PDB file of all heavy atoms in Angstrom:
ATOM      1  N   SER A   1      51.164 -11.978 -21.371  1.00  0.00           N
ATOM      2  CA  SER A   1      51.003 -11.493 -22.738  1.00  0.00           C
ATOM      3  C   SER A   1      50.362 -12.538 -23.633  1.00  0.00           C
ATOM      4  O   SER A   1      49.848 -12.209 -24.677  1.00  0.00           O
ATOM      5  CB  SER A   1      52.371 -11.092 -23.330  1.00  0.00           C
ATOM      6  OG  SER A   1      53.212 -12.236 -23.327  1.00  0.00           O
ATOM      7  N   CYS A   2      50.358 -13.791 -23.237  1.00  0.00           N
ATOM      8  CA  CYS A   2      49.790 -14.838 -24.066  1.00  0.00           C
ATOM      9  C   CYS A   2      49.348 -15.972 -23.185  1.00  0.00           C
ATOM     10  O   CYS A   2      50.054 -16.359 -22.317  1.00  0.00           O
ATOM     11  CB  CYS A   2      50.785 -15.335 -25.052  1.00  0.00           C
ATOM     12  SG  CYS A   2      50.190 -16.716 -26.103  1.00  0.00           S
ATOM     13  N   PRO A   3      48.127 -16.512 -23.393  1.00  0.00           N
ATOM     14  CA  PRO A   3      47.647 -17.624 -22.583  1.00  0.00           C
ATOM     15  C   PRO A   3      48.500 -18.812 -22.734  1.00  0.00           C
ATOM     16  O   PRO A   3      48.509 -19.679 -21.843  1.00  0.00           O
ATOM     17  CB  PRO A   3      46.254 -17.833 -23.101  1.00  0.00           C
ATOM     18  CG  PRO A   3      46.190 -17.261 -24.488  1.00  0.00           C
ATOM     19  CD  PRO A   3      47.135 -16.109 -24.443  1.00  0.00           C
ATOM     20  N   LEU A   4      49.204 -18.965 -23.863  1.00  0.00           N
ATOM     21  CA  LEU A   4      50.077 -20.128 -24.035  1.00  0.00           C
ATOM     22  C   LEU A   4      51.232 -20.115 -23.079  1.00  0.00           C
ATOM     23  O   LEU A   4      51.842 -21.137 -22.831  1.00  0.00           O
ATOM     24  CB  LEU A   4      50.587 -20.206 -25.485  1.00  0.00           C
ATOM     25  CG  LEU A   4      49.449 -20.359 -26.522  1.00  0.00           C
ATOM     26  CD1 LEU A   4      50.045 -20.315 -27.908  1.00  0.00           C
ATOM     27  CD2 LEU A   4      48.688 -21.652 -26.336  1.00  0.00           C
ATOM     28  N   LEU A   5      51.553 -18.940 -22.538  1.00  0.00           N
ATOM     29  CA  LEU A   5      52.652 -18.781 -21.614  1.00  0.00           C
ATOM     30  C   LEU A   5      52.182 -18.916 -20.179  1.00  0.00           C
ATOM     31  O   LEU A   5      52.973 -18.890 -19.271  1.00  0.00           O
ATOM     32  CB  LEU A   5      53.341 -17.447 -21.802  1.00  0.00           C
ATOM     33  CG  LEU A   5      53.962 -17.238 -23.192  1.00  0.00           C
ATOM     34  CD1 LEU A   5      54.590 -15.819 -23.233  1.00  0.00           C
ATOM     35  CD2 LEU A   5      55.023 -18.223 -23.510  1.00  0.00           C
ATOM     36  N   GLY A   6      50.894 -19.027 -19.997  1.00  0.00           N
ATOM     37  CA  GLY A   6      50.352 -19.190 -18.669  1.00  0.00           C
ATOM     38  C   GLY A   6      49.750 -17.841 -18.217  1.00  0.00           C
ATOM     39  O   GLY A   6      50.396 -16.806 -18.232  1.00  0.00           O
ATOM     40  N   VAL A   7      48.491 -17.885 -17.813  1.00  0.00           N
ATOM     41  CA  VAL A   7      47.815 -16.627 -17.449  1.00  0.00           C
ATOM     42  C   VAL A   7      48.045 -16.339 -15.987  1.00  0.00           C
ATOM     43  O   VAL A   7      47.832 -17.163 -15.088  1.00  0.00           O
ATOM     44  CB  VAL A   7      46.306 -16.762 -17.683  1.00  0.00           C
ATOM     45  CG1 VAL A   7      45.586 -15.511 -17.232  1.00  0.00           C
ATOM     46  CG2 VAL A   7      46.017 -17.045 -19.180  1.00  0.00           C
ATOM     47  N   VAL A   8      48.492 -15.163 -15.719  1.00  0.00           N
ATOM     48  CA  VAL A   8      48.661 -14.655 -14.354  1.00  0.00           C
ATOM     49  C   VAL A   8      47.405 -13.897 -13.974  1.00  0.00           C
ATOM     50  O   VAL A   8      47.005 -13.009 -14.694  1.00  0.00           O
ATOM     51  CB  VAL A   8      49.904 -13.740 -14.252  1.00  0.00           C
ATOM     52  CG1 VAL A   8      50.039 -13.263 -12.805  1.00  0.00           C
ATOM     53  CG2 VAL A   8      51.140 -14.513 -14.695  1.00  0.00           C
ATOM     54  N   ARG A   9      46.824 -14.231 -12.844  1.00  0.00           N
ATOM     55  CA  ARG A   9      45.609 -13.537 -12.405  1.00  0.00           C
ATOM     56  C   ARG A   9      45.811 -12.048 -12.190  1.00  0.00           C
ATOM     57  O   ARG A   9      46.881 -11.646 -11.809  1.00  0.00           O
ATOM     58  CB  ARG A   9      45.079 -14.129 -11.073  1.00  0.00           C
ATOM     59  CG  ARG A   9      44.654 -15.578 -11.152  1.00  0.00           C
ATOM     60  CD  ARG A   9      43.575 -15.808 -12.184  1.00  0.00           C
ATOM     61  NE  ARG A   9      42.576 -14.779 -12.250  1.00  0.00           N
ATOM     62  CZ  ARG A   9      41.768 -14.482 -11.263  1.00  0.00           C
ATOM     63  NH1 ARG A   9      41.685 -15.168 -10.158  1.00  0.00           N
ATOM     64  NH2 ARG A   9      40.844 -13.453 -11.400  1.00  0.00           N
ATOM     65  N   CYS A  10      44.828 -11.318 -12.553  1.00  0.00           N
ATOM     66  CA  CYS A  10      44.907  -9.867 -12.385  1.00  0.00           C
ATOM     67  C   CYS A  10      45.061  -9.503 -10.931  1.00  0.00           C
ATOM     68  O   CYS A  10      44.544 -10.162 -10.014  1.00  0.00           O
ATOM     69  CB  CYS A  10      43.621  -9.140 -12.879  1.00  0.00           C
ATOM     70  SG  CYS A  10      43.459  -9.149 -14.638  1.00  0.00           S
ATOM     71  N   GLN A  11      45.822  -8.473 -10.663  1.00  0.00           N
ATOM     72  CA  GLN A  11      46.005  -7.931  -9.332  1.00  0.00           C
ATOM     73  C   GLN A  11      45.249  -6.604  -9.218  1.00  0.00           C
ATOM     74  O   GLN A  11      45.500  -5.740  -9.999  1.00  0.00           O
ATOM     75  CB  GLN A  11      47.471  -7.716  -8.987  1.00  0.00           C
ATOM     76  CG  GLN A  11      48.268  -9.023  -8.970  1.00  0.00           C
ATOM     77  CD  GLN A  11      49.665  -8.707  -8.669  1.00  0.00           C
ATOM     78  OE1 GLN A  11      50.118  -7.564  -8.534  1.00  0.00           O
ATOM     79  NE2 GLN A  11      50.484  -9.789  -8.506  1.00  0.00           N
ATOM     80  N   HIS A  12      44.290  -6.524  -8.313  1.00  0.00           N
ATOM     81  CA  HIS A  12      43.509  -5.330  -8.150  1.00  0.00           C
ATOM     82  C   HIS A  12      44.327  -4.284  -7.338  1.00  0.00           C
ATOM     83  O   HIS A  12      44.786  -4.566  -6.255  1.00  0.00           O
ATOM     84  CB  HIS A  12      42.172  -5.588  -7.423  1.00  0.00           C
ATOM     85  CG  HIS A  12      41.331  -6.525  -8.210  1.00  0.00           C
ATOM     86  ND1 HIS A  12      40.581  -6.072  -9.270  1.00  0.00           N
ATOM     87  CD2 HIS A  12      41.043  -7.843  -8.087  1.00  0.00           C
ATOM     88  CE1 HIS A  12      39.865  -7.045  -9.780  1.00  0.00           C
ATOM     89  NE2 HIS A  12      40.146  -8.166  -9.084  1.00  0.00           N
ATOM     90  N   TYR A  13      44.430  -3.172  -7.876  1.00  0.00           N
ATOM     91  CA  TYR A  13      45.142  -2.087  -7.188  1.00  0.00           C
ATOM     92  C   TYR A  13      44.649  -0.755  -7.757  1.00  0.00           C
ATOM     93  O   TYR A  13      44.278  -0.643  -8.899  1.00  0.00           O
ATOM     94  CB  TYR A  13      46.657  -2.143  -7.422  1.00  0.00           C
ATOM     95  CG  TYR A  13      47.074  -2.027  -8.830  1.00  0.00           C
ATOM     96  CD1 TYR A  13      47.370  -0.800  -9.354  1.00  0.00           C
ATOM     97  CD2 TYR A  13      47.160  -3.139  -9.652  1.00  0.00           C
ATOM     98  CE1 TYR A  13      47.782  -0.687 -10.673  1.00  0.00           C
ATOM     99  CE2 TYR A  13      47.542  -3.035 -10.966  1.00  0.00           C
ATOM    100  CZ  TYR A  13      47.837  -1.792 -11.487  1.00  0.00           C
ATOM    101  OH  TYR A  13      48.180  -1.688 -12.826  1.00  0.00           O
ATOM    102  N   PRO A  14      44.568   0.246  -6.877  1.00  0.00           N
ATOM    103  CA  PRO A  14      44.143   1.552  -7.366  1.00  0.00           C
ATOM    104  C   PRO A  14      45.153   2.239  -8.251  1.00  0.00           C
ATOM    105  O   PRO A  14      46.265   2.499  -7.742  1.00  0.00           O
ATOM    106  CB  PRO A  14      43.857   2.364  -6.081  1.00  0.00           C
ATOM    107  CG  PRO A  14      44.734   1.668  -5.068  1.00  0.00           C
ATOM    108  CD  PRO A  14      44.854   0.259  -5.472  1.00  0.00           C
ATOM    109  N   PRO A  15      44.932   2.463  -9.522  1.00  0.00           N
ATOM    110  CA  PRO A  15      45.914   3.093 -10.391  1.00  0.00           C
ATOM    111  C   PRO A  15      45.971   4.570 -10.171  1.00  0.00           C
ATOM    112  O   PRO A  15      45.563   5.350 -11.043  1.00  0.00           O
ATOM    113  CB  PRO A  15      45.377   2.752 -11.768  1.00  0.00           C
ATOM    114  CG  PRO A  15      43.933   2.702 -11.609  1.00  0.00           C
ATOM    115  CD  PRO A  15      43.653   2.217 -10.205  1.00  0.00           C
ATOM    116  N   LEU A  16      46.419   5.025  -9.023  1.00  0.00           N
ATOM    117  CA  LEU A  16      46.402   6.427  -8.672  1.00  0.00           C
ATOM    118  C   LEU A  16      47.758   6.938  -8.423  1.00  0.00           C
ATOM    119  O   LEU A  16      48.648   6.253  -7.928  1.00  0.00           O
ATOM    120  CB  LEU A  16      45.560   6.598  -7.394  1.00  0.00           C
ATOM    121  CG  LEU A  16      44.135   5.987  -7.482  1.00  0.00           C
ATOM    122  CD1 LEU A  16      43.535   6.061  -6.079  1.00  0.00           C
ATOM    123  CD2 LEU A  16      43.271   6.705  -8.482  1.00  0.00           C
ATOM    124  N   ARG A  17      48.015   8.223  -8.685  1.00  0.00           N
ATOM    125  CA  ARG A  17      49.311   8.826  -8.502  1.00  0.00           C
ATOM    126  C   ARG A  17      49.544   9.061  -6.974  1.00  0.00           C
ATOM    127  O   ARG A  17      48.579   9.222  -6.223  1.00  0.00           O
ATOM    128  CB  ARG A  17      49.439  10.108  -9.279  1.00  0.00           C
ATOM    129  CG  ARG A  17      48.482  11.224  -8.831  1.00  0.00           C
ATOM    130  CD  ARG A  17      48.482  12.334  -9.835  1.00  0.00           C
ATOM    131  NE  ARG A  17      47.609  13.426  -9.448  1.00  0.00           N
ATOM    132  CZ  ARG A  17      47.906  14.482  -8.849  1.00  0.00           C
ATOM    133  NH1 ARG A  17      49.176  14.685  -8.451  1.00  0.00           N
ATOM    134  NH2 ARG A  17      47.043  15.430  -8.563  1.00  0.00           N
ATOM    135  N   ALA A  18      50.789   9.068  -6.585  1.00  0.00           N
ATOM    136  CA  ALA A  18      51.108   9.162  -5.146  1.00  0.00           C
ATOM    137  C   ALA A  18      50.725  10.505  -4.609  1.00  0.00           C
ATOM    138  O   ALA A  18      50.728  11.548  -5.269  1.00  0.00           O
ATOM    139  CB  ALA A  18      52.630   8.980  -4.977  1.00  0.00           C
ATOM    140  N   LEU A  19      50.345  10.540  -3.368  1.00  0.00           N
ATOM    141  CA  LEU A  19      50.034  11.799  -2.698  1.00  0.00           C
ATOM    142  C   LEU A  19      51.299  12.389  -2.112  1.00  0.00           C
ATOM    143  O   LEU A  19      52.294  11.720  -1.792  1.00  0.00           O
ATOM    144  CB  LEU A  19      49.056  11.524  -1.526  1.00  0.00           C
ATOM    145  CG  LEU A  19      47.719  10.945  -1.920  1.00  0.00           C
ATOM    146  CD1 LEU A  19      46.887  10.701  -0.716  1.00  0.00           C
ATOM    147  CD2 LEU A  19      47.008  11.820  -2.931  1.00  0.00           C
ATOM    148  N   GLN A  20      51.307  13.698  -1.959  1.00  0.00           N
ATOM    149  CA  GLN A  20      52.427  14.407  -1.394  1.00  0.00           C
ATOM    150  C   GLN A  20      52.045  15.012  -0.062  1.00  0.00           C
ATOM    151  O   GLN A  20      51.019  15.632   0.107  1.00  0.00           O
ATOM    152  CB  GLN A  20      52.869  15.577  -2.370  1.00  0.00           C
ATOM    153  CG  GLN A  20      53.297  15.031  -3.688  1.00  0.00           C
ATOM    154  CD  GLN A  20      54.548  14.181  -3.608  1.00  0.00           C
ATOM    155  OE1 GLN A  20      55.428  14.422  -2.764  1.00  0.00           O
ATOM    156  NE2 GLN A  20      54.669  13.188  -4.421  1.00  0.00           N
ATOM    157  N   ALA A  21      52.916  14.778   0.936  1.00  0.00           N
ATOM    158  CA  ALA A  21      52.776  15.361   2.289  1.00  0.00           C
ATOM    159  C   ALA A  21      51.393  15.057   2.866  1.00  0.00           C
ATOM    160  O   ALA A  21      50.683  15.908   3.302  1.00  0.00           O
ATOM    161  CB  ALA A  21      52.992  16.848   2.240  1.00  0.00           C
ATOM    162  N   SER A  22      51.046  13.743   2.858  1.00  0.00           N
ATOM    163  CA  SER A  22      49.709  13.399   3.318  1.00  0.00           C
ATOM    164  C   SER A  22      49.559  13.699   4.810  1.00  0.00           C
ATOM    165  O   SER A  22      48.517  14.186   5.244  1.00  0.00           O
ATOM    166  CB  SER A  22      49.421  11.931   3.057  1.00  0.00           C
ATOM    167  OG  SER A  22      50.409  11.128   3.711  1.00  0.00           O
ATOM    168  N   ALA A  23      50.558  13.417   5.627  1.00  0.00           N
ATOM    169  CA  ALA A  23      50.416  13.622   7.048  1.00  0.00           C
ATOM    170  C   ALA A  23      50.330  15.064   7.400  1.00  0.00           C
ATOM    171  O   ALA A  23      49.740  15.441   8.444  1.00  0.00           O
ATOM    172  CB  ALA A  23      51.581  13.006   7.762  1.00  0.00           C
ATOM    173  N   THR A  24      50.857  15.926   6.569  1.00  0.00           N
ATOM    174  CA  THR A  24      50.831  17.385   6.840  1.00  0.00           C
ATOM    175  C   THR A  24      49.392  17.875   6.923  1.00  0.00           C
ATOM    176  O   THR A  24      49.040  18.790   7.688  1.00  0.00           O
ATOM    177  CB  THR A  24      51.567  18.171   5.723  1.00  0.00           C
ATOM    178  OG1 THR A  24      52.873  17.608   5.649  1.00  0.00           O
ATOM    179  CG2 THR A  24      51.620  19.637   6.065  1.00  0.00           C
ATOM    180  N   LEU A  25      48.514  17.234   6.123  1.00  0.00           N
ATOM    181  CA  LEU A  25      47.088  17.671   6.133  1.00  0.00           C
ATOM    182  C   LEU A  25      46.474  17.512   7.515  1.00  0.00           C
ATOM    183  O   LEU A  25      45.847  18.355   8.058  1.00  0.00           O
ATOM    184  CB  LEU A  25      46.322  16.885   5.108  1.00  0.00           C
ATOM    185  CG  LEU A  25      46.531  17.214   3.657  1.00  0.00           C
ATOM    186  CD1 LEU A  25      45.839  16.208   2.731  1.00  0.00           C
ATOM    187  CD2 LEU A  25      46.035  18.616   3.389  1.00  0.00           C
ATOM    188  N   ARG A  26      46.710  16.307   8.123  1.00  0.00           N
ATOM    189  CA  ARG A  26      46.090  16.079   9.465  1.00  0.00           C
ATOM    190  C   ARG A  26      46.786  16.992  10.479  1.00  0.00           C
ATOM    191  O   ARG A  26      46.176  17.469  11.424  1.00  0.00           O
ATOM    192  CB  ARG A  26      46.272  14.618   9.853  1.00  0.00           C
ATOM    193  CG  ARG A  26      45.715  14.340  11.225  1.00  0.00           C
ATOM    194  CD  ARG A  26      45.478  12.873  11.424  1.00  0.00           C
ATOM    195  NE  ARG A  26      44.409  12.380  10.583  1.00  0.00           N
ATOM    196  CZ  ARG A  26      43.120  12.582  10.917  1.00  0.00           C
ATOM    197  NH1 ARG A  26      42.782  13.202  12.002  1.00  0.00           N
ATOM    198  NH2 ARG A  26      42.215  12.146  10.080  1.00  0.00           N
ATOM    199  N   ARG A  27      48.110  17.170  10.328  1.00  0.00           N
ATOM    200  CA  ARG A  27      48.793  18.030  11.292  1.00  0.00           C
ATOM    201  C   ARG A  27      48.192  19.439  11.215  1.00  0.00           C
ATOM    202  O   ARG A  27      47.929  20.069  12.239  1.00  0.00           O
ATOM    203  CB  ARG A  27      50.328  18.058  10.983  1.00  0.00           C
ATOM    204  CG  ARG A  27      51.068  18.969  11.874  1.00  0.00           C
ATOM    205  CD  ARG A  27      52.495  19.065  11.463  1.00  0.00           C
ATOM    206  NE  ARG A  27      53.109  17.758  11.530  1.00  0.00           N
ATOM    207  CZ  ARG A  27      54.383  17.539  11.175  1.00  0.00           C
ATOM    208  NH1 ARG A  27      55.123  18.535  10.695  1.00  0.00           N
ATOM    209  NH2 ARG A  27      54.850  16.329  11.246  1.00  0.00           N
ATOM    210  N   ALA A  28      47.964  19.911   9.984  1.00  0.00           N
ATOM    211  CA  ALA A  28      47.419  21.277   9.813  1.00  0.00           C
ATOM    212  C   ALA A  28      45.993  21.365  10.378  1.00  0.00           C
ATOM    213  O   ALA A  28      45.626  22.399  10.959  1.00  0.00           O
ATOM    214  CB  ALA A  28      47.410  21.623   8.340  1.00  0.00           C
ATOM    215  N   SER A  29      45.211  20.299  10.205  1.00  0.00           N
ATOM    216  CA  SER A  29      43.861  20.353  10.661  1.00  0.00           C
ATOM    217  C   SER A  29      43.785  20.231  12.182  1.00  0.00           C
ATOM    218  O   SER A  29      42.799  20.639  12.818  1.00  0.00           O
ATOM    219  CB  SER A  29      42.996  19.187  10.040  1.00  0.00           C
ATOM    220  OG  SER A  29      43.566  17.950  10.439  1.00  0.00           O
ATOM    221  N   ASP A  30      44.789  19.626  12.792  1.00  0.00           N
ATOM    222  CA  ASP A  30      44.801  19.479  14.261  1.00  0.00           C
ATOM    223  C   ASP A  30      45.369  20.646  15.033  1.00  0.00           C
ATOM    224  O   ASP A  30      44.994  20.906  16.139  1.00  0.00           O
ATOM    225  CB  ASP A  30      45.579  18.205  14.641  1.00  0.00           C
ATOM    226  CG  ASP A  30      44.873  16.906  14.201  1.00  0.00           C
ATOM    227  OD1 ASP A  30      43.655  17.014  14.004  1.00  0.00           O
ATOM    228  OD2 ASP A  30      45.510  15.869  14.202  1.00  0.00           O
ATOM    229  N   GLU A  31      46.286  21.362  14.344  1.00  0.00           N
ATOM    230  CA  GLU A  31      46.963  22.406  15.063  1.00  0.00           C
ATOM    231  C   GLU A  31      46.019  23.500  15.565  1.00  0.00           C
ATOM    232  O   GLU A  31      46.153  23.997  16.663  1.00  0.00           O
ATOM    233  CB  GLU A  31      48.023  23.031  14.161  1.00  0.00           C
ATOM    234  CG  GLU A  31      49.324  22.195  14.088  1.00  0.00           C
ATOM    235  CD  GLU A  31      50.370  22.840  13.192  1.00  0.00           C
ATOM    236  OE1 GLU A  31      49.985  23.722  12.445  1.00  0.00           O
ATOM    237  OE2 GLU A  31      51.549  22.459  13.304  1.00  0.00           O
ATOM    238  N   HIS A  32      45.016  23.880  14.706  1.00  0.00           N
ATOM    239  CA  HIS A  32      44.176  24.974  15.073  1.00  0.00           C
ATOM    240  C   HIS A  32      43.173  24.582  16.217  1.00  0.00           C
ATOM    241  O   HIS A  32      42.563  25.435  16.802  1.00  0.00           O
ATOM    242  CB  HIS A  32      43.383  25.487  13.890  1.00  0.00           C
ATOM    243  CG  HIS A  32      42.251  24.617  13.489  1.00  0.00           C
ATOM    244  ND1 HIS A  32      42.477  23.477  12.691  1.00  0.00           N
ATOM    245  CD2 HIS A  32      40.920  24.661  13.757  1.00  0.00           C
ATOM    246  CE1 HIS A  32      41.293  22.926  12.458  1.00  0.00           C
ATOM    247  NE2 HIS A  32      40.364  23.615  13.140  1.00  0.00           N
ATOM    248  N   LYS A  33      43.051  23.232  16.439  1.00  0.00           N
ATOM    249  CA  LYS A  33      42.145  22.797  17.492  1.00  0.00           C
ATOM    250  C   LYS A  33      42.774  22.855  18.871  1.00  0.00           C
ATOM    251  O   LYS A  33      42.114  22.815  19.893  1.00  0.00           O
ATOM    252  CB  LYS A  33      41.699  21.328  17.191  1.00  0.00           C
ATOM    253  CG  LYS A  33      40.953  21.239  15.833  1.00  0.00           C
ATOM    254  CD  LYS A  33      40.525  19.809  15.603  1.00  0.00           C
ATOM    255  CE  LYS A  33      39.864  19.634  14.263  1.00  0.00           C
ATOM    256  NZ  LYS A  33      39.477  18.257  13.995  1.00  0.00           N
ATOM    257  N   LYS A  34      44.101  22.879  18.920  1.00  0.00           N
ATOM    258  CA  LYS A  34      44.803  22.798  20.202  1.00  0.00           C
ATOM    259  C   LYS A  34      45.071  24.207  20.729  1.00  0.00           C
ATOM    260  O   LYS A  34      45.551  25.044  20.038  1.00  0.00           O
ATOM    261  CB  LYS A  34      46.167  22.019  20.016  1.00  0.00           C
ATOM    262  CG  LYS A  34      45.981  20.599  19.592  1.00  0.00           C
ATOM    263  CD  LYS A  34      47.294  19.854  19.598  1.00  0.00           C
ATOM    264  CE  LYS A  34      47.061  18.376  19.227  1.00  0.00           C
ATOM    265  NZ  LYS A  34      48.329  17.614  19.221  1.00  0.00           N
ATOM    266  N   GLU A  35      44.725  24.402  21.998  1.00  0.00           N
ATOM    267  CA  GLU A  35      44.910  25.680  22.652  1.00  0.00           C
ATOM    268  C   GLU A  35      46.054  25.603  23.639  1.00  0.00           C
ATOM    269  O   GLU A  35      46.219  24.570  24.325  1.00  0.00           O
ATOM    270  CB  GLU A  35      43.645  26.105  23.334  1.00  0.00           C
ATOM    271  CG  GLU A  35      42.459  26.278  22.362  1.00  0.00           C
ATOM    272  CD  GLU A  35      41.224  26.706  23.107  1.00  0.00           C
ATOM    273  OE1 GLU A  35      41.285  26.795  24.366  1.00  0.00           O
ATOM    274  OE2 GLU A  35      40.154  26.987  22.459  1.00  0.00           O
ATOM    275  N   PRO A  36      46.836  26.641  23.786  1.00  0.00           N
ATOM    276  CA  PRO A  36      47.994  26.624  24.698  1.00  0.00           C
ATOM    277  C   PRO A  36      47.463  26.559  26.148  1.00  0.00           C
ATOM    278  O   PRO A  36      46.437  27.109  26.495  1.00  0.00           O
ATOM    279  CB  PRO A  36      48.705  27.919  24.420  1.00  0.00           C
ATOM    280  CG  PRO A  36      47.714  28.791  23.803  1.00  0.00           C
ATOM    281  CD  PRO A  36      46.751  27.950  23.026  1.00  0.00           C
TER     282      PRO A  36
END
């Protein structure tokens, strides 16, 4: 908050909201490719 207190270097990170059920997408995309 103030350079007199010592500057902490910025940390780069993507300011994005969390994804929901990310693995489900790949599972859904793979299921129709597999034949019994």
